[in-house]
C-alpha atoms as a PDB file:
ATOM      1  CA  MET A   1      10.547  43.981  26.696  1.00  0.00           C
ATOM      2  CA  PRO A   2      11.520  41.083  24.300  1.00  0.00           C
ATOM      3  CA  MET A   3      15.134  40.647  25.597  1.00  0.00           C
ATOM      4  CA  THR A   4      13.530  40.451  29.458  1.00  0.00           C
ATOM      5  CA  GLN A   5      11.197  37.740  28.114  1.00  0.00           C
ATOM      6  CA  ILE A   6      14.042  35.750  26.158  1.00  0.00           C
ATOM      7  CA  LEU A   7      16.074  35.731  29.444  1.00  0.00           C
ATOM      8  CA  GLU A   8      13.381  34.786  31.761  1.00  0.00           C
ATOM      9  CA  ALA A   9      12.067  32.050  29.373  1.00  0.00           C
ATOM     10  CA  SER A  10      15.900  30.823  29.116  1.00  0.00           C
ATOM     11  CA  ARG A  11      16.555  30.781  32.708  1.00  0.00           C
ATOM     12  CA  TYR A  12      13.397  28.588  33.368  1.00  0.00           C
ATOM     13  CA  ILE A  13      14.215  26.092  30.830  1.00  0.00           C
ATOM     14  CA  GLN A  14      17.998  25.856  31.997  1.00  0.00           C
ATOM     15  CA  SER A  15      16.688  25.138  35.621  1.00  0.00           C
ATOM     16  CA  LYS A  16      15.116  21.923  34.114  1.00  0.00           C
ATOM     17  CA  ILE A  17      18.228  20.471  32.172  1.00  0.00           C
ATOM     18  CA  LYS A  18      21.740  19.637  32.693  1.00  0.00           C
ATOM     19  CA  THR A  19      23.332  20.241  29.050  1.00  0.00           C
ATOM     20  CA  LYS A  20      23.345  22.924  26.635  1.00  0.00           C
ATOM     21  CA  PRO A  21      21.442  22.122  23.442  1.00  0.00           C
ATOM     22  CA  ARG A  22      23.497  22.601  20.296  1.00  0.00           C
ATOM     23  CA  VAL A  23      20.870  21.916  17.436  1.00  0.00           C
ATOM     24  CA  GLY A  24      17.392  23.609  17.451  1.00  0.00           C
ATOM     25  CA  ILE A  25      14.446  21.862  15.519  1.00  0.00           C
ATOM     26  CA  VAL A  26      10.887  23.441  14.867  1.00  0.00           C
ATOM     27  CA  LEU A  27       8.552  20.764  14.181  1.00  0.00           C
ATOM     28  CA  GLY A  28       5.351  22.010  11.681  1.00  0.00           C
ATOM     29  CA  SER A  29       2.149  20.290  11.143  1.00  0.00           C
ATOM     30  CA  GLY A  30       2.071  16.668  11.200  1.00  0.00           C
ATOM     31  CA  LEU A  31       5.918  16.352  11.904  1.00  0.00           C
ATOM     32  CA  GLY A  32       5.709  16.508  15.852  1.00  0.00           C
ATOM     33  CA  ILE A  33       5.961  12.644  16.037  1.00  0.00           C
ATOM     34  CA  TYR A  34       9.847  13.188  15.107  1.00  0.00           C
ATOM     35  CA  ILE A  35      10.062  13.558  19.140  1.00  0.00           C
ATOM     36  CA  GLU A  36      10.323   9.698  19.147  1.00  0.00           C
ATOM     37  CA  GLU A  37      13.776  10.234  17.627  1.00  0.00           C
ATOM     38  CA  ILE A  38      14.854  11.981  20.563  1.00  0.00           C
ATOM     39  CA  GLN A  39      16.350  10.200  23.663  1.00  0.00           C
ATOM     40  CA  ASP A  40      16.466  11.068  27.243  1.00  0.00           C
ATOM     41  CA  LYS A  41      13.724  13.532  27.027  1.00  0.00           C
ATOM     42  CA  THR A  42      12.762  16.350  29.029  1.00  0.00           C
ATOM     43  CA  VAL A  43       9.274  17.503  28.132  1.00  0.00           C
ATOM     44  CA  ILE A  44       8.159  21.175  29.126  1.00  0.00           C
ATOM     45  CA  PRO A  45       4.786  22.419  27.958  1.00  0.00           C
ATOM     46  CA  TYR A  46       4.686  25.701  26.595  1.00  0.00           C
ATOM     47  CA  GLN A  47       2.346  26.901  29.153  1.00  0.00           C
ATOM     48  CA  ASP A  48       4.930  26.321  31.679  1.00  0.00           C
ATOM     49  CA  ILE A  49       7.646  28.435  30.091  1.00  0.00           C
ATOM     50  CA  PRO A  50       7.353  32.221  31.013  1.00  0.00           C
ATOM     51  CA  HIS A  51       6.010  34.159  28.131  1.00  0.00           C
ATOM     52  CA  PHE A  52       5.464  31.207  25.853  1.00  0.00           C
ATOM     53  CA  LYS A  53       2.010  31.075  24.310  1.00  0.00           C
ATOM     54  CA  ARG A  54      -0.424  28.084  24.068  1.00  0.00           C
ATOM     55  CA  THR A  55      -0.781  26.680  20.578  1.00  0.00           C
ATOM     56  CA  SER A  56      -4.156  26.276  18.875  1.00  0.00           C
ATOM     57  CA  VAL A  57      -3.963  24.593  15.820  1.00  0.00           C
ATOM     58  CA  GLU A  58      -4.488  20.884  15.296  1.00  0.00           C
ATOM     59  CA  GLY A  59      -1.017  19.096  14.744  1.00  0.00           C
ATOM     60  CA  HIS A  60       0.889  21.612  17.079  1.00  0.00           C
ATOM     61  CA  SER A  61       1.124  19.951  20.416  1.00  0.00           C
ATOM     62  CA  GLY A  62       2.888  22.929  22.007  1.00  0.00           C
ATOM     63  CA  ALA A  63       5.971  21.519  23.944  1.00  0.00           C
ATOM     64  CA  LEU A  64       9.456  21.984  24.080  1.00  0.00           C
ATOM     65  CA  ILE A  65      11.378  18.736  24.103  1.00  0.00           C
ATOM     66  CA  LEU A  66      14.903  18.435  25.346  1.00  0.00           C
ATOM     67  CA  GLY A  67      17.194  15.628  24.890  1.00  0.00           C
ATOM     68  CA  THR A  68      19.599  13.841  22.582  1.00  0.00           C
ATOM     69  CA  VAL A  69      19.763  12.724  18.668  1.00  0.00           C
ATOM     70  CA  CYS A  70      22.892  10.714  17.948  1.00  0.00           C
ATOM     71  CA  GLY A  71      24.423  11.648  21.491  1.00  0.00           C
ATOM     72  CA  VAL A  72      23.983  15.588  20.165  1.00  0.00           C
ATOM     73  CA  PRO A  73      21.925  17.746  22.867  1.00  0.00           C
ATOM     74  CA  VAL A  74      18.801  19.132  20.931  1.00  0.00           C
ATOM     75  CA  ALA A  75      15.936  21.347  21.762  1.00  0.00           C
ATOM     76  CA  ALA A  76      12.872  20.862  19.644  1.00  0.00           C
ATOM     77  CA  LEU A  77       9.806  22.890  19.262  1.00  0.00           C
ATOM     78  CA  GLN A  78       6.625  20.415  19.077  1.00  0.00           C
ATOM     79  CA  GLY A  79       4.480  23.043  17.251  1.00  0.00           C
ATOM     80  CA  ARG A  80       4.686  26.604  16.500  1.00  0.00           C
ATOM     81  CA  HIS A  81       2.669  29.983  16.595  1.00  0.00           C
ATOM     82  CA  HIS A  82       1.280  31.539  13.462  1.00  0.00           C
ATOM     83  CA  ALA A  83       0.428  35.337  12.770  1.00  0.00           C
ATOM     84  CA  TYR A  84      -3.079  34.262  11.716  1.00  0.00           C
ATOM     85  CA  GLU A  85      -3.836  33.186  15.211  1.00  0.00           C
ATOM     86  CA  GLY A  86      -3.534  36.657  16.198  1.00  0.00           C
ATOM     87  CA  HIS A  87      -0.084  36.630  18.077  1.00  0.00           C
ATOM     88  CA  ASP A  88       2.253  39.280  18.009  1.00  0.00           C
ATOM     89  CA  LEU A  89       5.172  38.474  15.826  1.00  0.00           C
ATOM     90  CA  GLN A  90       7.562  39.029  18.976  1.00  0.00           C
ATOM     91  CA  ASP A  91       5.687  36.128  20.534  1.00  0.00           C
ATOM     92  CA  ILE A  92       6.006  33.905  17.390  1.00  0.00           C
ATOM     93  CA  VAL A  93       9.842  34.244  17.242  1.00  0.00           C
ATOM     94  CA  LEU A  94      10.301  34.153  21.090  1.00  0.00           C
ATOM     95  CA  PRO A  95      10.801  30.245  20.960  1.00  0.00           C
ATOM     96  CA  VAL A  96      13.643  30.468  18.476  1.00  0.00           C
ATOM     97  CA  ARG A  97      15.299  33.424  20.165  1.00  0.00           C
ATOM     98  CA  THR A  98      15.123  31.629  23.430  1.00  0.00           C
ATOM     99  CA  LEU A  99      16.730  28.473  22.076  1.00  0.00           C
ATOM    100  CA  ALA A 100      19.499  30.573  20.774  1.00  0.00           C
ATOM    101  CA  GLN A 101      19.872  32.136  24.242  1.00  0.00           C
ATOM    102  CA  LEU A 102      20.222  28.384  25.366  1.00  0.00           C
ATOM    103  CA  GLY A 103      23.209  27.754  23.005  1.00  0.00           C
ATOM    104  CA  ILE A 104      21.955  26.192  19.797  1.00  0.00           C
ATOM    105  CA  GLU A 105      24.078  27.160  16.649  1.00  0.00           C
ATOM    106  CA  TYR A 106      22.239  25.129  14.136  1.00  0.00           C
ATOM    107  CA  LEU A 107      18.419  25.627  13.525  1.00  0.00           C
ATOM    108  CA  PHE A 108      16.145  22.998  11.345  1.00  0.00           C
ATOM    109  CA  LEU A 109      12.962  24.295  10.428  1.00  0.00           C
ATOM    110  CA  SER A 110       9.957  22.047   8.973  1.00  0.00           C
ATOM    111  CA  ASN A 111       6.567  22.878   7.745  1.00  0.00           C
ATOM    112  CA  ALA A 112       3.729  21.605   5.808  1.00  0.00           C
ATOM    113  CA  SER A 113       3.437  23.298   2.268  1.00  0.00           C
ATOM    114  CA  GLY A 114       1.217  23.722  -0.726  1.00  0.00           C
ATOM    115  CA  GLY A 115       2.921  22.676  -3.953  1.00  0.00           C
ATOM    116  CA  ILE A 116       2.988  25.245  -6.431  1.00  0.00           C
ATOM    117  CA  ASN A 117       5.673  23.657  -8.731  1.00  0.00           C
ATOM    118  CA  THR A 118       3.761  21.267 -10.884  1.00  0.00           C
ATOM    119  CA  ASN A 119       6.836  18.901 -10.314  1.00  0.00           C
ATOM    120  CA  PHE A 120       6.134  18.706  -6.590  1.00  0.00           C
ATOM    121  CA  HIS A 121       3.600  16.145  -5.460  1.00  0.00           C
ATOM    122  CA  PRO A 122       1.951  15.253  -2.186  1.00  0.00           C
ATOM    123  CA  GLY A 123       4.617  13.584   0.252  1.00  0.00           C
ATOM    124  CA  ASP A 124       7.391  15.256  -1.350  1.00  0.00           C
ATOM    125  CA  LEU A 125      10.239  16.368   0.694  1.00  0.00           C
ATOM    126  CA  VAL A 126      11.906  20.003  -0.360  1.00  0.00           C
ATOM    127  CA  ALA A 127      15.033  21.800   1.035  1.00  0.00           C
ATOM    128  CA  ILE A 128      14.135  25.112   1.110  1.00  0.00           C
ATOM    129  CA  SER A 129      16.584  27.355  -1.073  1.00  0.00           C
ATOM    130  CA  ASP A 130      15.139  30.715  -0.440  1.00  0.00           C
ATOM    131  CA  HIS A 131      11.936  32.391   0.613  1.00  0.00           C
ATOM    132  CA  ILE A 132       9.501  35.036  -0.435  1.00  0.00           C
ATOM    133  CA  ASN A 133       8.054  36.971   2.645  1.00  0.00           C
ATOM    134  CA  LEU A 134       4.467  37.923   1.550  1.00  0.00           C
ATOM    135  CA  SER A 135       2.870  37.752   4.844  1.00  0.00           C
ATOM    136  CA  GLY A 136       2.866  41.694   4.922  1.00  0.00           C
ATOM    137  CA  LYS A 137       4.881  41.191   8.486  1.00  0.00           C
ATOM    138  CA  ASN A 138       8.499  41.195   9.735  1.00  0.00           C
ATOM    139  CA  PRO A 139       9.577  40.211  13.230  1.00  0.00           C
ATOM    140  CA  LEU A 140      12.370  42.900  13.184  1.00  0.00           C
ATOM    141  CA  VAL A 141      10.136  45.913  12.947  1.00  0.00           C
ATOM    142  CA  GLY A 142      10.346  48.276  15.921  1.00  0.00           C
ATOM    143  CA  PRO A 143      13.676  49.098  17.991  1.00  0.00           C
ATOM    144  CA  ASN A 144      16.540  46.706  17.121  1.00  0.00           C
ATOM    145  CA  LEU A 145      17.421  44.263  19.831  1.00  0.00           C
ATOM    146  CA  ALA A 146      21.269  45.113  19.378  1.00  0.00           C
ATOM    147  CA  ASP A 147      22.144  42.258  21.923  1.00  0.00           C
ATOM    148  CA  LEU A 148      20.716  39.771  19.197  1.00  0.00           C
ATOM    149  CA  GLY A 149      21.835  41.267  16.044  1.00  0.00           C
ATOM    150  CA  PRO A 150      22.301  44.182  13.583  1.00  0.00           C
ATOM    151  CA  ARG A 151      19.790  46.632  12.628  1.00  0.00           C
ATOM    152  CA  PHE A 152      19.876  45.500   9.011  1.00  0.00           C
ATOM    153  CA  PRO A 153      20.929  41.732   8.912  1.00  0.00           C
ATOM    154  CA  ASP A 154      21.763  40.302   5.434  1.00  0.00           C
ATOM    155  CA  MET A 155      19.148  37.779   3.776  1.00  0.00           C
ATOM    156  CA  GLY A 156      21.237  36.931   0.923  1.00  0.00           C
ATOM    157  CA  HIS A 157      22.206  33.420   2.543  1.00  0.00           C
ATOM    158  CA  ALA A 158      18.999  32.913   4.843  1.00  0.00           C
ATOM    159  CA  TYR A 159      19.075  29.220   4.359  1.00  0.00           C
ATOM    160  CA  ASP A 160      22.915  27.974   4.952  1.00  0.00           C
ATOM    161  CA  LYS A 161      24.256  26.651   1.578  1.00  0.00           C
ATOM    162  CA  ASP A 162      26.559  24.141   3.214  1.00  0.00           C
ATOM    163  CA  LEU A 163      23.749  22.956   5.570  1.00  0.00           C
ATOM    164  CA  ARG A 164      21.422  22.507   2.738  1.00  0.00           C
ATOM    165  CA  THR A 165      24.131  20.764   0.659  1.00  0.00           C
ATOM    166  CA  LEU A 166      24.731  18.174   3.383  1.00  0.00           C
ATOM    167  CA  LEU A 167      20.959  17.550   3.663  1.00  0.00           C
ATOM    168  CA  HIS A 168      21.268  16.455   0.199  1.00  0.00           C
ATOM    169  CA  GLN A 169      24.011  14.297   0.568  1.00  0.00           C
ATOM    170  CA  VAL A 170      22.466  12.513   3.544  1.00  0.00           C
ATOM    171  CA  ALA A 171      19.252  12.333   1.624  1.00  0.00           C
ATOM    172  CA  ASN A 172      20.995  10.754  -1.512  1.00  0.00           C
ATOM    173  CA  ARG A 173      22.945   8.129   0.705  1.00  0.00           C
ATOM    174  CA  SER A 174      19.877   7.183   2.523  1.00  0.00           C
ATOM    175  CA  GLY A 175      17.732   6.580  -0.490  1.00  0.00           C
ATOM    176  CA  VAL A 176      15.456   9.683   0.273  1.00  0.00           C
ATOM    177  CA  ALA A 177      14.208  12.015  -2.381  1.00  0.00           C
ATOM    178  CA  LEU A 178      14.847  15.672  -1.609  1.00  0.00           C
ATOM    179  CA  LYS A 179      13.986  18.211  -4.032  1.00  0.00           C
ATOM    180  CA  ASP A 180      14.822  21.994  -3.757  1.00  0.00           C
ATOM    181  CA  GLY A 181      12.487  24.869  -3.832  1.00  0.00           C
ATOM    182  CA  VAL A 182      11.749  28.597  -2.901  1.00  0.00           C
ATOM    183  CA  TYR A 183       9.130  28.876  -0.083  1.00  0.00           C
ATOM    184  CA  CYS A 184       6.598  31.801  -0.011  1.00  0.00           C
ATOM    185  CA  SER A 185       4.962  32.849   3.321  1.00  0.00           C
ATOM    186  CA  VAL A 186       1.501  34.130   3.481  1.00  0.00           C
ATOM    187  CA  LEU A 187      -0.453  35.378   6.166  1.00  0.00           C
ATOM    188  CA  GLY A 188      -3.406  32.892   6.202  1.00  0.00           C
ATOM    189  CA  PRO A 189      -5.704  31.427   7.685  1.00  0.00           C
ATOM    190  CA  THR A 190      -7.637  31.007   4.350  1.00  0.00           C
ATOM    191  CA  TYR A 191      -5.785  28.804   1.588  1.00  0.00           C
ATOM    192  CA  GLU A 192      -4.839  30.798  -1.570  1.00  0.00           C
ATOM    193  CA  THR A 193      -7.073  31.200  -4.414  1.00  0.00           C
ATOM    194  CA  PRO A 194      -6.132  29.934  -7.847  1.00  0.00           C
ATOM    195  CA  ALA A 195      -5.445  33.382  -9.018  1.00  0.00           C
ATOM    196  CA  GLU A 196      -3.182  33.907  -6.147  1.00  0.00           C
ATOM    197  CA  ILE A 197      -1.191  30.801  -6.925  1.00  0.00           C
ATOM    198  CA  ARG A 198      -0.812  31.826 -10.439  1.00  0.00           C
ATOM    199  CA  MET A 199       0.800  35.076  -9.257  1.00  0.00           C
ATOM    200  CA  LEU A 200       3.129  33.298  -6.798  1.00  0.00           C
ATOM    201  CA  ARG A 201       4.239  31.056  -9.582  1.00  0.00           C
ATOM    202  CA  ILE A 202       5.313  33.840 -11.665  1.00  0.00           C
ATOM    203  CA  LEU A 203       6.916  35.519  -8.679  1.00  0.00           C
ATOM    204  CA  GLY A 204       9.283  32.190  -8.477  1.00  0.00           C
ATOM    205  CA  ALA A 205       7.700  30.532  -5.903  1.00  0.00           C
ATOM    206  CA  ASP A 206       7.593  26.520  -5.491  1.00  0.00           C
ATOM    207  CA  LEU A 207       5.959  26.266  -2.385  1.00  0.00           C
ATOM    208  CA  VAL A 208       3.395  28.085  -0.023  1.00  0.00           C
ATOM    209  CA  GLY A 209       2.630  28.189   3.716  1.00  0.00           C
ATOM    210  CA  MET A 210       1.625  30.245   6.705  1.00  0.00           C
ATOM    211  CA  SER A 211       4.762  29.997   8.822  1.00  0.00           C
ATOM    212  CA  THR A 212       8.596  29.459   8.814  1.00  0.00           C
ATOM    213  CA  VAL A 213       9.777  32.785   7.469  1.00  0.00           C
ATOM    214  CA  HIS A 214       9.466  34.868  10.508  1.00  0.00           C
ATOM    215  CA  GLU A 215      11.420  32.258  12.461  1.00  0.00           C
ATOM    216  CA  VAL A 216      14.145  32.271   9.803  1.00  0.00           C
ATOM    217  CA  ILE A 217      14.523  35.895   9.987  1.00  0.00           C
ATOM    218  CA  ALA A 218      14.676  36.165  13.637  1.00  0.00           C
ATOM    219  CA  ALA A 219      17.333  33.275  13.279  1.00  0.00           C
ATOM    220  CA  ASN A 220      19.345  34.938  10.634  1.00  0.00           C
ATOM    221  CA  HIS A 221      19.330  38.214  12.746  1.00  0.00           C
ATOM    222  CA  ILE A 222      20.913  36.366  15.786  1.00  0.00           C
ATOM    223  CA  GLY A 223      23.403  34.546  13.249  1.00  0.00           C
ATOM    224  CA  LEU A 224      22.427  30.984  13.434  1.00  0.00           C
ATOM    225  CA  LYS A 225      22.936  28.478  10.611  1.00  0.00           C
ATOM    226  CA  VAL A 226      19.617  27.537   9.301  1.00  0.00           C
ATOM    227  CA  ALA A 227      18.050  24.995   7.158  1.00  0.00           C
ATOM    228  CA  GLY A 228      14.305  24.380   6.154  1.00  0.00           C
ATOM    229  CA  VAL A 229      12.689  21.194   5.081  1.00  0.00           C
ATOM    230  CA  ALA A 230       9.057  21.451   3.840  1.00  0.00           C
ATOM    231  CA  CYS A 231       6.790  18.586   3.399  1.00  0.00           C
ATOM    232  CA  VAL A 232       4.345  18.931   0.268  1.00  0.00           C
ATOM    233  CA  THR A 233       1.129  18.131   1.552  1.00  0.00           C
ATOM    234  CA  ASN A 234      -1.416  19.145  -1.039  1.00  0.00           C
ATOM    235  CA  TYR A 235      -1.451  20.698  -4.426  1.00  0.00           C
ATOM    236  CA  ALA A 236      -1.810  24.582  -4.531  1.00  0.00           C
ATOM    237  CA  ALA A 237      -5.326  25.790  -5.346  1.00  0.00           C
ATOM    238  CA  GLY A 238      -6.042  25.536  -9.006  1.00  0.00           C
ATOM    239  CA  ILE A 239      -3.571  22.663  -9.818  1.00  0.00           C
ATOM    240  CA  LYS A 240      -6.060  19.680  -9.267  1.00  0.00           C
ATOM    241  CA  GLU A 241      -9.820  19.863  -8.584  1.00  0.00           C
ATOM    242  CA  GLU A 242      -9.767  18.918  -4.857  1.00  0.00           C
ATOM    243  CA  LYS A 243     -10.792  20.955  -1.767  1.00  0.00           C
ATOM    244  CA  LEU A 244      -8.173  21.733   0.732  1.00  0.00           C
ATOM    245  CA  SER A 245      -8.288  20.576   4.312  1.00  0.00           C
ATOM    246  CA  HIS A 246      -5.977  20.901   7.355  1.00  0.00           C
ATOM    247  CA  ALA A 247      -6.808  17.142   8.146  1.00  0.00           C
ATOM    248  CA  ASP A 248      -5.592  15.988   4.839  1.00  0.00           C
ATOM    249  CA  VAL A 249      -2.535  18.199   5.271  1.00  0.00           C
ATOM    250  CA  LYS A 250      -1.557  16.680   8.464  1.00  0.00           C
ATOM    251  CA  LEU A 251      -2.344  13.204   7.286  1.00  0.00           C
ATOM    252  CA  VAL A 252      -0.026  13.263   4.309  1.00  0.00           C
ATOM    253  CA  ALA A 253       2.880  15.004   6.583  1.00  0.00           C
ATOM    254  CA  GLU A 254       2.591  12.181   9.031  1.00  0.00           C
ATOM    255  CA  LYS A 255       3.065   9.863   5.911  1.00  0.00           C
ATOM    256  CA  ALA A 256       6.181  11.549   4.940  1.00  0.00           C
ATOM    257  CA  MET A 257       7.523  11.389   8.467  1.00  0.00           C
ATOM    258  CA  ILE A 258       9.802   8.448   7.734  1.00  0.00           C
ATOM    259  CA  GLY A 259      12.033  10.109   5.219  1.00  0.00           C
ATOM    260  CA  PHE A 260      11.844  13.323   7.104  1.00  0.00           C
ATOM    261  CA  ALA A 261      13.156  11.715  10.388  1.00  0.00           C
ATOM    262  CA  THR A 262      15.878   9.680   8.490  1.00  0.00           C
ATOM    263  CA  VAL A 263      17.450  12.772   6.690  1.00  0.00           C
ATOM    264  CA  LEU A 264      17.172  15.106   9.950  1.00  0.00           C
ATOM    265  CA  THR A 265      18.764  12.392  12.443  1.00  0.00           C
ATOM    266  CA  GLU A 266      21.549  11.530   9.793  1.00  0.00           C
ATOM    267  CA  THR A 267      22.381  15.018   9.182  1.00  0.00           C
ATOM    268  CA  ILE A 268      22.680  15.929  12.734  1.00  0.00           C
ATOM    269  CA  HIS A 269      24.810  12.569  13.150  1.00  0.00           C
ATOM    270  CA  GLU A 270      27.020  13.972  10.281  1.00  0.00           C
ATOM    271  CA  LEU A 271      27.539  17.274  12.108  1.00  0.00           C
ATOM    272  CA  LYS A 272      28.455  15.494  14.959  1.00  0.00           C
ATOM    273  CA  LYS A 273      31.312  13.336  13.181  1.00  0.00           C
ATOM    274  CA  MET A 274      32.563  16.770  11.528  1.00  0.00           C
ATOM    275  CA  GLY A 275      33.073  18.013  15.129  1.00  0.00           C
ATOM    276  CA  LYS A 276      30.465  20.941  14.509  1.00  0.00           C
ATOM    277  CA  VAL A 277      28.191  20.157  17.535  1.00  0.00           C
END
């Protein structure tokens, strides 16, 4: 049962730490090196945590990192699971639900995305303002976990407006360019065709990727305050005459790491100064 798995995973993690994390972080492809910002680290490989699955995608190390950022206790998921790997959605969202059980109130998610908006270029950072779920899947299908949240959770503000505003304020002050955009999640693992990208642009998507949305749905079900930052790692199919590869995606994300790390760390610092964490 999902609740049993959440409780068993969280109890194991609690046995390894002394403080309750207040902020959760999900690190996408090429962004896992953010863990260098975390102090007093405790590293727990996913395979050691009850019911957590191993990661299989390059750029997703597969470890839970617990420590502090600017003195704030954090829990960072270094790598995530994807539906295209064949995982059940309950397994995909288990890590986020476990972080909530540990005590986080804020969740920052990151990913590597293809840029559909022609004003977006590889290396750009984009605050996710909303999303479109075209994966064909939803982690809340099945019996509702009433201990976590309501049967029909509101998704009208899936990405917390105040938190996104804070991200932009920090980015402006730090001299980091941060754009806004709508993220579309597809199943994968194939990259999209040019025709599919044209369709997604008509639907209002600025970015496309194969993750994030299921975690955001689960986090909103629980009542966490959520923010998402996407790193544009490539032009979506048909915009440029170039072949897409995961190796290139990972490389561009790593190059954008400095700006991403600055914005995330300073935002956590601001939350601390505001007395919210």
